[in-house]
C-alpha atoms as a PDB file:
ATOM      1  CA  MET A   1       4.714  -2.455  -1.773  1.00  0.00           C
ATOM      2  CA  LYS A   2       5.789   1.108  -0.248  1.00  0.00           C
ATOM      3  CA  LYS A   3       4.240   2.730  -3.246  1.00  0.00           C
ATOM      4  CA  THR A   4       1.380   0.651  -3.260  1.00  0.00           C
ATOM      5  CA  ILE A   5       0.664   1.592   0.805  1.00  0.00           C
ATOM      6  CA  SER A   6       1.637   5.685  -0.665  1.00  0.00           C
ATOM      7  CA  PHE A   7      -1.228   5.214  -2.947  1.00  0.00           C
ATOM      8  CA  LEU A   8      -3.455   4.171  -0.209  1.00  0.00           C
ATOM      9  CA  LEU A   9      -2.771   6.756   1.833  1.00  0.00           C
ATOM     10  CA  LEU A  10      -2.849   9.284  -0.398  1.00  0.00           C
ATOM     11  CA  LEU A  11      -6.472   7.659  -1.279  1.00  0.00           C
ATOM     12  CA  PHE A  12      -7.459   7.591   2.527  1.00  0.00           C
ATOM     13  CA  PHE A  13      -6.482  11.120   3.341  1.00  0.00           C
ATOM     14  CA  LEU A  14      -8.313  11.673  -0.116  1.00  0.00           C
ATOM     15  CA  GLN A  15     -11.475  10.056   0.986  1.00  0.00           C
ATOM     16  CA  PRO A  16     -12.455  12.943   3.267  1.00  0.00           C
ATOM     17  CA  VAL A  17     -12.130  16.086   0.645  1.00  0.00           C
ATOM     18  CA  MET A  18     -13.934  13.928  -1.941  1.00  0.00           C
ATOM     19  CA  SER A  19     -16.978  13.725   0.060  1.00  0.00           C
ATOM     20  CA  VAL A  20     -17.455  17.864   0.609  1.00  0.00           C
ATOM     21  CA  ASP A  21     -15.136  18.474  -2.745  1.00  0.00           C
ATOM     22  CA  PRO A  22     -17.090  18.869  -6.016  1.00  0.00           C
ATOM     23  CA  GLY A  23     -14.290  17.981  -8.098  1.00  0.00           C
ATOM     24  CA  ILE A  24     -12.884  14.583  -7.795  1.00  0.00           C
ATOM     25  CA  TYR A  25     -13.653  12.620 -10.592  1.00  0.00           C
ATOM     26  CA  SER A  26     -12.884   8.513 -10.271  1.00  0.00           C
ATOM     27  CA  ILE A  27     -12.893   5.957 -13.483  1.00  0.00           C
ATOM     28  CA  GLU A  28     -16.094   4.541 -13.800  1.00  0.00           C
ATOM     29  CA  SER A  29     -14.408   2.587 -16.540  1.00  0.00           C
ATOM     30  CA  GLY A  30     -11.362   2.125 -17.524  1.00  0.00           C
ATOM     31  CA  SER A  31      -8.682   0.238 -19.747  1.00  0.00           C
ATOM     32  CA  ILE A  32      -4.992   0.133 -20.507  1.00  0.00           C
ATOM     33  CA  THR A  33      -3.520  -1.925 -23.575  1.00  0.00           C
ATOM     34  CA  PHE A  34       0.116  -2.280 -24.144  1.00  0.00           C
ATOM     35  CA  ARG A  35       2.030  -4.026 -27.777  1.00  0.00           C
ATOM     36  CA  SER A  36       5.208  -5.009 -27.928  1.00  0.00           C
ATOM     37  CA  ASP A  37       6.054  -5.391 -32.093  1.00  0.00           C
ATOM     38  CA  ALA A  38       9.096  -6.617 -32.207  1.00  0.00           C
ATOM     39  CA  ALA A  39      11.343  -8.336 -35.287  1.00  0.00           C
ATOM     40  CA  GLN A  40       9.865 -11.830 -34.706  1.00  0.00           C
ATOM     41  CA  GLU A  41       6.942 -11.427 -32.850  1.00  0.00           C
ATOM     42  CA  LEU A  42       3.749  -9.290 -31.738  1.00  0.00           C
ATOM     43  CA  ILE A  43       1.977  -9.307 -28.322  1.00  0.00           C
ATOM     44  CA  SER A  44      -0.938  -7.470 -27.196  1.00  0.00           C
ATOM     45  CA  ALA A  45      -2.515  -7.566 -23.541  1.00  0.00           C
ATOM     46  CA  THR A  46      -5.662  -5.255 -21.881  1.00  0.00           C
ATOM     47  CA  SER A  47      -6.506  -4.526 -18.462  1.00  0.00           C
ATOM     48  CA  HIS A  48      -9.852  -3.246 -18.000  1.00  0.00           C
ATOM     49  CA  GLU A  49      -9.084  -2.884 -14.353  1.00  0.00           C
ATOM     50  CA  LEU A  50      -7.863   0.658 -14.403  1.00  0.00           C
ATOM     51  CA  HIS A  51      -8.649   2.725 -11.116  1.00  0.00           C
ATOM     52  CA  GLY A  52      -8.073   6.691 -10.772  1.00  0.00           C
ATOM     53  CA  LEU A  53      -8.642  10.332  -9.033  1.00  0.00           C
ATOM     54  CA  LEU A  54      -8.863  12.812 -11.166  1.00  0.00           C
ATOM     55  CA  ASP A  55      -9.034  16.240  -9.282  1.00  0.00           C
ATOM     56  CA  ILE A  56     -10.302  18.861 -11.850  1.00  0.00           C
ATOM     57  CA  THR A  57     -10.098  21.479  -9.690  1.00  0.00           C
ATOM     58  CA  LYS A  58      -6.262  21.151  -9.109  1.00  0.00           C
ATOM     59  CA  ARG A  59      -6.009  19.478 -12.050  1.00  0.00           C
ATOM     60  CA  THR A  60      -3.997  16.547  -9.893  1.00  0.00           C
ATOM     61  CA  PHE A  61      -4.381  12.889 -10.570  1.00  0.00           C
ATOM     62  CA  ALA A  62      -3.902   9.659  -9.747  1.00  0.00           C
ATOM     63  CA  PHE A  63      -3.504   5.774 -11.876  1.00  0.00           C
ATOM     64  CA  ARG A  64      -3.040   2.628 -10.739  1.00  0.00           C
ATOM     65  CA  ILE A  65      -2.893  -0.758 -12.514  1.00  0.00           C
ATOM     66  CA  ARG A  66      -2.992  -4.072 -10.582  1.00  0.00           C
ATOM     67  CA  MET A  67      -0.085  -5.733 -13.350  1.00  0.00           C
ATOM     68  CA  ARG A  68      -2.153  -9.364 -12.670  1.00  0.00           C
ATOM     69  CA  SER A  69      -5.184  -8.219 -14.449  1.00  0.00           C
ATOM     70  CA  PHE A  70      -3.605  -8.253 -18.049  1.00  0.00           C
ATOM     71  CA  LYS A  71      -4.927 -10.995 -20.138  1.00  0.00           C
ATOM     72  CA  GLY A  72      -3.985 -10.996 -24.158  1.00  0.00           C
ATOM     73  CA  PHE A  73      -1.092 -12.303 -25.266  1.00  0.00           C
ATOM     74  CA  ASN A  74      -0.331 -14.902 -27.653  1.00  0.00           C
ATOM     75  CA  SER A  75      -0.809 -17.650 -25.204  1.00  0.00           C
ATOM     76  CA  GLY A  76      -0.621 -18.909 -21.856  1.00  0.00           C
ATOM     77  CA  LEU A  77       2.622 -19.065 -21.043  1.00  0.00           C
ATOM     78  CA  GLN A  78       3.687 -16.258 -22.542  1.00  0.00           C
ATOM     79  CA  ARG A  79       1.376 -14.190 -20.158  1.00  0.00           C
ATOM     80  CA  GLU A  80       3.133 -16.728 -17.386  1.00  0.00           C
ATOM     81  CA  HIS A  81       6.315 -15.224 -18.815  1.00  0.00           C
ATOM     82  CA  PHE A  82       5.562 -11.617 -18.618  1.00  0.00           C
ATOM     83  CA  ASN A  83       4.795 -11.937 -14.975  1.00  0.00           C
ATOM     84  CA  GLU A  84       7.129 -13.834 -13.545  1.00  0.00           C
ATOM     85  CA  ASN A  85      10.268 -12.877 -15.643  1.00  0.00           C
ATOM     86  CA  TYR A  86       9.591  -8.987 -16.788  1.00  0.00           C
ATOM     87  CA  VAL A  87       7.568  -7.046 -14.562  1.00  0.00           C
ATOM     88  CA  GLU A  88       7.924  -9.873 -11.701  1.00  0.00           C
ATOM     89  CA  SER A  89       3.892  -9.254 -10.152  1.00  0.00           C
ATOM     90  CA  GLU A  90       4.704 -10.789  -7.322  1.00  0.00           C
ATOM     91  CA  LYS A  91       7.162  -8.175  -5.816  1.00  0.00           C
ATOM     92  CA  PHE A  92       5.608  -5.102  -7.947  1.00  0.00           C
ATOM     93  CA  PRO A  93       1.804  -5.957  -7.923  1.00  0.00           C
ATOM     94  CA  GLU A  94       0.736  -2.226  -9.663  1.00  0.00           C
ATOM     95  CA  SER A  95       1.934   0.199 -11.855  1.00  0.00           C
ATOM     96  CA  THR A  96       1.090   4.034 -11.154  1.00  0.00           C
ATOM     97  CA  PHE A  97       1.098   7.095 -12.630  1.00  0.00           C
ATOM     98  CA  ARG A  98       0.846  10.188 -10.718  1.00  0.00           C
ATOM     99  CA  GLY A  99       0.844  14.070 -10.786  1.00  0.00           C
ATOM    100  CA  LYS A 100      -0.484  17.202 -13.241  1.00  0.00           C
ATOM    101  CA  ILE A 101      -2.170  18.446 -15.415  1.00  0.00           C
ATOM    102  CA  ILE A 102      -0.041  21.740 -16.453  1.00  0.00           C
ATOM    103  CA  GLU A 103      -2.286  23.608 -19.014  1.00  0.00           C
ATOM    104  CA  GLN A 104      -4.597  25.603 -17.754  1.00  0.00           C
ATOM    105  CA  VAL A 105      -7.922  23.938 -18.226  1.00  0.00           C
ATOM    106  CA  ASP A 106     -11.124  24.068 -16.797  1.00  0.00           C
ATOM    107  CA  LEU A 107     -12.496  20.366 -17.122  1.00  0.00           C
ATOM    108  CA  ARG A 108     -16.345  21.418 -15.649  1.00  0.00           C
ATOM    109  CA  GLN A 109     -16.736  23.423 -18.733  1.00  0.00           C
ATOM    110  CA  ASP A 110     -17.939  21.045 -22.428  1.00  0.00           C
ATOM    111  CA  GLY A 111     -15.038  20.991 -24.859  1.00  0.00           C
ATOM    112  CA  LYS A 112     -11.862  18.715 -26.308  1.00  0.00           C
ATOM    113  CA  TYR A 113      -8.817  19.889 -24.863  1.00  0.00           C
ATOM    114  CA  THR A 114      -5.156  18.326 -25.364  1.00  0.00           C
ATOM    115  CA  VAL A 115      -2.938  18.136 -22.576  1.00  0.00           C
ATOM    116  CA  ARG A 116       0.358  17.222 -20.727  1.00  0.00           C
ATOM    117  CA  ALA A 117      -0.325  15.059 -18.011  1.00  0.00           C
ATOM    118  CA  LYS A 118       3.338  15.747 -16.102  1.00  0.00           C
ATOM    119  CA  GLY A 119       4.257  13.059 -13.679  1.00  0.00           C
ATOM    120  CA  ILE A 120       6.055  10.126 -11.796  1.00  0.00           C
ATOM    121  CA  LEU A 121       5.179   6.586 -13.230  1.00  0.00           C
ATOM    122  CA  SER A 122       6.270   3.425 -11.685  1.00  0.00           C
ATOM    123  CA  ILE A 123       6.681   0.069 -13.607  1.00  0.00           C
ATOM    124  CA  HIS A 124       8.573  -2.156 -12.334  1.00  0.00           C
ATOM    125  CA  GLY A 125       9.326  -0.957  -9.500  1.00  0.00           C
ATOM    126  CA  ILE A 126      11.497   1.936 -11.238  1.00  0.00           C
ATOM    127  CA  GLU A 127      10.368   5.918 -10.736  1.00  0.00           C
ATOM    128  CA  GLN A 128      10.370   7.686 -13.945  1.00  0.00           C
ATOM    129  CA  ASP A 129       9.410  12.170 -14.465  1.00  0.00           C
ATOM    130  CA  ARG A 130       7.458  12.020 -17.470  1.00  0.00           C
ATOM    131  CA  ILE A 131       5.270  14.377 -19.713  1.00  0.00           C
ATOM    132  CA  ILE A 132       2.155  12.310 -21.619  1.00  0.00           C
ATOM    133  CA  LYS A 133      -0.023  13.739 -23.981  1.00  0.00           C
ATOM    134  CA  SER A 134      -3.237  13.300 -23.381  1.00  0.00           C
ATOM    135  CA  GLU A 135      -6.760  14.052 -25.078  1.00  0.00           C
ATOM    136  CA  ILE A 136     -10.129  15.491 -22.910  1.00  0.00           C
ATOM    137  CA  SER A 137     -12.925  15.125 -24.029  1.00  0.00           C
ATOM    138  CA  VAL A 138     -15.652  16.661 -21.215  1.00  0.00           C
ATOM    139  CA  GLN A 139     -19.676  16.737 -22.050  1.00  0.00           C
ATOM    140  CA  LYS A 140     -22.347  16.727 -19.293  1.00  0.00           C
ATOM    141  CA  GLY A 141     -20.469  16.147 -16.563  1.00  0.00           C
ATOM    142  CA  LEU A 142     -18.289  13.534 -17.912  1.00  0.00           C
ATOM    143  CA  ILE A 143     -14.352  13.049 -18.398  1.00  0.00           C
ATOM    144  CA  HIS A 144     -13.221  10.645 -21.208  1.00  0.00           C
ATOM    145  CA  VAL A 145      -9.614  10.681 -21.206  1.00  0.00           C
ATOM    146  CA  ASP A 146      -7.216   9.264 -23.957  1.00  0.00           C
ATOM    147  CA  SER A 147      -3.542   8.744 -24.274  1.00  0.00           C
ATOM    148  CA  LYS A 148      -0.860   6.879 -26.009  1.00  0.00           C
ATOM    149  CA  PHE A 149       2.693   6.687 -25.664  1.00  0.00           C
ATOM    150  CA  SER A 150       5.412   4.732 -25.223  1.00  0.00           C
ATOM    151  CA  VAL A 151       7.933   2.912 -22.557  1.00  0.00           C
ATOM    152  CA  MET A 152      11.611   1.706 -23.266  1.00  0.00           C
ATOM    153  CA  ILE A 153      11.671  -1.381 -20.942  1.00  0.00           C
ATOM    154  CA  THR A 154      15.490  -0.779 -20.039  1.00  0.00           C
ATOM    155  CA  ASP A 155      14.208   2.881 -17.981  1.00  0.00           C
ATOM    156  CA  HIS A 156      12.149   0.390 -16.058  1.00  0.00           C
ATOM    157  CA  ASP A 157      14.757  -1.827 -15.392  1.00  0.00           C
ATOM    158  CA  ILE A 158      12.622  -4.964 -17.440  1.00  0.00           C
ATOM    159  CA  LYS A 159      15.399  -7.447 -18.442  1.00  0.00           C
ATOM    160  CA  VAL A 160      15.025  -9.402 -21.621  1.00  0.00           C
ATOM    161  CA  PRO A 161      17.456 -12.926 -22.012  1.00  0.00           C
ATOM    162  CA  ARG A 162      19.090 -12.771 -25.390  1.00  0.00           C
ATOM    163  CA  VAL A 163      16.903 -15.861 -26.321  1.00  0.00           C
ATOM    164  CA  VAL A 164      13.675 -14.209 -26.623  1.00  0.00           C
ATOM    165  CA  HIS A 165      15.621 -10.610 -27.139  1.00  0.00           C
ATOM    166  CA  GLU A 166      13.824 -10.418 -30.935  1.00  0.00           C
ATOM    167  CA  LYS A 167      10.705 -11.436 -29.444  1.00  0.00           C
ATOM    168  CA  ILE A 168      10.245  -8.647 -27.245  1.00  0.00           C
ATOM    169  CA  ALA A 169      10.127  -4.996 -28.280  1.00  0.00           C
ATOM    170  CA  SER A 170      12.507  -2.764 -26.426  1.00  0.00           C
ATOM    171  CA  GLU A 171      10.126  -0.370 -26.421  1.00  0.00           C
ATOM    172  CA  ILE A 172       5.906  -0.675 -25.648  1.00  0.00           C
ATOM    173  CA  GLN A 173       3.361   1.618 -26.954  1.00  0.00           C
ATOM    174  CA  VAL A 174       0.766   1.591 -24.392  1.00  0.00           C
ATOM    175  CA  GLU A 175      -3.085   3.023 -24.760  1.00  0.00           C
ATOM    176  CA  VAL A 176      -5.081   4.450 -21.900  1.00  0.00           C
ATOM    177  CA  SER A 177      -8.489   5.389 -22.344  1.00  0.00           C
ATOM    178  CA  ALA A 178     -10.598   6.580 -19.194  1.00  0.00           C
ATOM    179  CA  ASP A 179     -13.910   7.751 -18.824  1.00  0.00           C
ATOM    180  CA  PHE A 180     -14.784   9.541 -15.107  1.00  0.00           C
ATOM    181  CA  LYS A 181     -17.449  10.316 -13.369  1.00  0.00           C
ATOM    182  CA  LYS A 182     -18.196  12.598 -10.296  1.00  0.00           C
ATOM    183  CA  LYS A 183     -17.256  10.860  -6.735  1.00  0.00           C
ATOM    184  CA  GLU A 184     -20.321  10.593  -5.233  1.00  0.00           C
ATOM    185  CA  GLU A 185     -20.922  11.722  -1.779  1.00  0.00           C
END
């Protein structure tokens, strides 16, 4: 809950800046897919409800995703177990990633950039410092970001019962794709 309030406060305090600062971009469309490729089962789910801001002047960003927005899975029961038993969506409704782009890139210029995003990844109420490599494409003022990385479930205190240990991978593969557009004044 504290993290959600902090994120909302960040957005609230950025709002006056966004109406003046031409460097603020927001996600027009975005998705996150995760994949668990375990010995006995492959699980995949996607959410198209990715939200975020990117300040190209300061090279800062903030993303959030509502955990209950993931769809896919192999069954409704699997989705229910994901939300109730593993990520505990009632207790930890969102995951976030906020931080800064390390490289000195000018995202006002068309081109393709490989960057490292350094920040705090919060999943299941556990924050981890992360550096995540991303590919950014800028064309005619539109910014597209693609990223692939992995998350160790133990890093975020996600517990898997021994009975399903062979069905859920300890390392989850994550893919993010987002299109950013300049925030309207």
